[in-house]
């Protein structure tokens, strides 16, 4: 069973909104963690 990562709505917003203060960090997280598809994502 893959490890689980809880992702809050603000993470999705940061990915899409280039003016978000966490946009660059969200992009890095997507590239380094999410694209490997080794985790199960959980959101509310």
Protein backbone atom coordinates (compact mmCIF):
# COMPACT_ATOMS: atom_id res chain seq x y z
CA UNK A 1 0.00 0.00 0.00
CA UNK A 2 1.50 3.39 -0.99
CA UNK A 3 2.06 6.10 1.62
CA UNK A 4 -0.75 8.64 1.90
CA UNK A 5 -0.39 12.39 1.51
CA UNK A 6 -3.12 14.77 2.64
CA UNK A 7 -3.41 17.72 0.28
CA UNK A 8 -5.43 20.72 1.31
CA UNK A 9 -7.32 22.85 -1.21
CA UNK A 10 -4.74 25.60 -0.80
CA UNK A 11 -2.13 23.33 -2.39
CA UNK A 12 -4.24 22.99 -5.53
CA UNK A 13 -4.78 26.73 -5.62
CA UNK A 14 -1.05 27.37 -5.26
CA UNK A 15 -0.41 25.12 -8.26
CA UNK A 16 -2.77 27.08 -10.48
CA UNK A 17 -2.31 30.66 -9.26
CA UNK A 18 1.04 32.09 -10.35
CA UNK A 19 0.61 35.01 -7.96
CA UNK A 20 0.23 32.70 -4.94
CA UNK A 21 3.13 33.07 -2.50
CA UNK A 22 3.59 29.28 -2.51
CA UNK A 23 3.30 28.73 -6.27
CA UNK A 24 6.96 27.84 -6.83
CA UNK A 25 7.03 25.48 -3.85
CA UNK A 26 3.85 23.79 -5.07
CA UNK A 27 5.39 23.29 -8.52
CA UNK A 28 8.49 21.76 -6.96
CA UNK A 29 6.38 19.44 -4.81
CA UNK A 30 4.42 18.34 -7.87
CA UNK A 31 7.60 17.57 -9.80
CA UNK A 32 9.48 15.87 -6.96
CA UNK A 33 6.66 13.93 -5.31
CA UNK A 34 3.37 13.79 -7.17
CA UNK A 35 4.63 12.94 -10.65
CA UNK A 36 6.32 9.80 -9.32
CA UNK A 37 2.86 8.40 -8.49
CA UNK A 38 4.14 6.52 -5.47
CA UNK A 39 1.69 8.09 -3.05
CA UNK A 40 -2.02 8.01 -2.50
CA UNK A 41 -3.48 11.52 -2.36
CA UNK A 42 -6.21 12.37 0.11
CA UNK A 43 -8.19 15.62 -0.05
CA UNK A 44 -11.33 16.87 1.62
